[in-house]
Protein backbone atom coordinates (compact mmCIF):
# COMPACT_ATOMS: atom_id res chain seq x y z
CA MET A 1 18.76 20.73 -1.59
CA ASN A 2 19.42 19.15 -4.91
CA ASP A 3 17.16 19.27 -7.66
CA ALA A 4 16.48 15.25 -7.11
CA LYS A 5 15.87 16.06 -3.24
CA ARG A 6 13.68 18.83 -4.45
CA LYS A 7 11.82 16.35 -6.93
CA ALA A 8 10.81 14.00 -4.84
CA GLU A 9 9.98 16.06 -2.17
CA GLU A 10 7.46 17.58 -4.03
CA LEU A 11 6.28 14.25 -5.21
CA ALA A 12 5.56 13.64 -2.38
CA ARG A 13 3.75 16.19 -1.28
CA GLN A 14 1.90 15.80 -4.35
CA PHE A 15 1.25 12.53 -4.03
CA ASP A 16 -0.13 13.03 -0.20
CA ASN A 17 -2.61 15.75 -1.17
CA ALA A 18 -3.69 13.48 -3.94
CA LEU A 19 -4.25 10.85 -1.02
CA GLN A 20 -6.35 13.58 0.96
CA ARG A 21 -8.97 13.56 -2.35
CA LYS A 22 -8.82 9.38 -2.95
CA GLU A 23 -9.83 7.32 -0.12
CA ASN A 24 -10.22 4.21 -2.09
CA LEU A 25 -6.31 4.56 -2.75
CA TRP A 26 -5.40 2.19 -0.26
CA ARG A 27 -7.42 -0.64 -2.41
CA TYR A 28 -3.79 -0.74 -4.41
CA PRO A 29 -1.82 -2.60 -2.66
CA LEU A 30 -4.59 -4.61 -1.08
CA ALA A 31 -5.17 -6.09 -4.49
CA ASP A 32 -1.88 -5.97 -5.51
CA ALA A 33 -1.17 -8.44 -3.01
CA VAL A 34 -3.87 -10.87 -4.01
CA VAL A 35 -3.20 -10.74 -6.80
CA THR A 36 0.84 -12.23 -6.56
CA LEU A 37 -0.66 -14.66 -3.68
CA LEU A 38 -2.80 -16.04 -5.82
CA GLU A 39 -0.36 -15.89 -8.98
CA GLN A 40 1.84 -17.72 -6.62
CA GLY A 41 -0.77 -20.17 -5.46
CA SER A 42 -0.30 -19.31 -1.94
CA PRO A 43 -3.19 -19.65 0.61
CA VAL A 44 -5.29 -15.83 0.73
CA THR A 45 -5.95 -15.15 4.28
CA VAL A 46 -5.39 -11.28 6.50
CA ASP A 47 -2.39 -12.24 7.88
CA THR A 48 -1.13 -13.54 4.03
CA ILE A 49 -2.23 -10.64 2.43
CA ILE A 50 -0.86 -8.01 4.95
CA ALA A 51 2.84 -10.16 5.12
CA ARG A 52 2.82 -9.81 1.15
CA MET A 53 1.67 -5.88 1.68
CA GLU A 54 4.41 -5.52 3.92
CA ASP A 55 6.54 -7.93 1.36
CA GLN A 56 5.92 -6.14 -1.75
CA ALA A 57 6.74 -2.20 0.63
CA SER A 58 10.73 -3.35 0.87
CA GLU A 59 10.79 -5.08 -2.55
CA ARG A 60 9.48 -2.54 -4.33
CA PRO A 61 10.54 0.60 -3.16
CA GLN A 62 10.38 2.88 -5.67
CA ASN A 63 6.19 2.35 -6.03
CA PRO A 64 4.69 5.11 -4.18
CA MET A 65 1.57 2.96 -4.43
CA LEU A 66 3.10 0.11 -2.05
CA ARG A 67 5.05 2.38 0.75
CA GLY A 68 4.60 5.26 3.42
CA GLU A 69 1.20 5.89 4.43
CA ILE A 70 -0.70 4.31 1.49
CA LEU A 71 0.50 1.05 2.28
CA LYS A 72 -0.29 1.60 6.35
CA GLY A 73 -4.09 2.55 5.47
CA ALA A 74 -4.43 -0.49 3.36
CA ILE A 75 -3.60 -2.26 5.94
CA GLU A 76 -5.60 -0.65 8.70
CA ARG A 77 -8.18 -0.15 6.45
CA LEU A 78 -8.30 -4.63 6.01
CA ARG A 79 -8.06 -4.53 9.57
CA GLN A 80 -10.90 -2.56 10.26
CA ILE A 81 -13.17 -4.57 7.80
CA VAL A 82 -12.25 -7.53 9.11
CA SER A 83 -12.87 -6.92 13.10
CA ARG A 84 -16.36 -5.12 12.15
CA LYS A 85 -16.84 -9.08 10.74
CA ASP A 86 -16.22 -10.49 14.10
């Protein structure tokens, strides 16, 4: 295994450990999506927020806060909040 891959795996492992300790980590991609939509003058709805979060994952794949389990967790958490309101 090369050094870069080993470092990436270690970072992912550390991040997973941090994620387990930080139950509010899902808020980062949500806030980032909302701010981006507001800056663009786009409507801010549940659907546009989720679409924006998914777009951000592909636009900035180097940002670990906007990909993988954190992103999935943010989308799932948003859906849970909305379904409780219905």
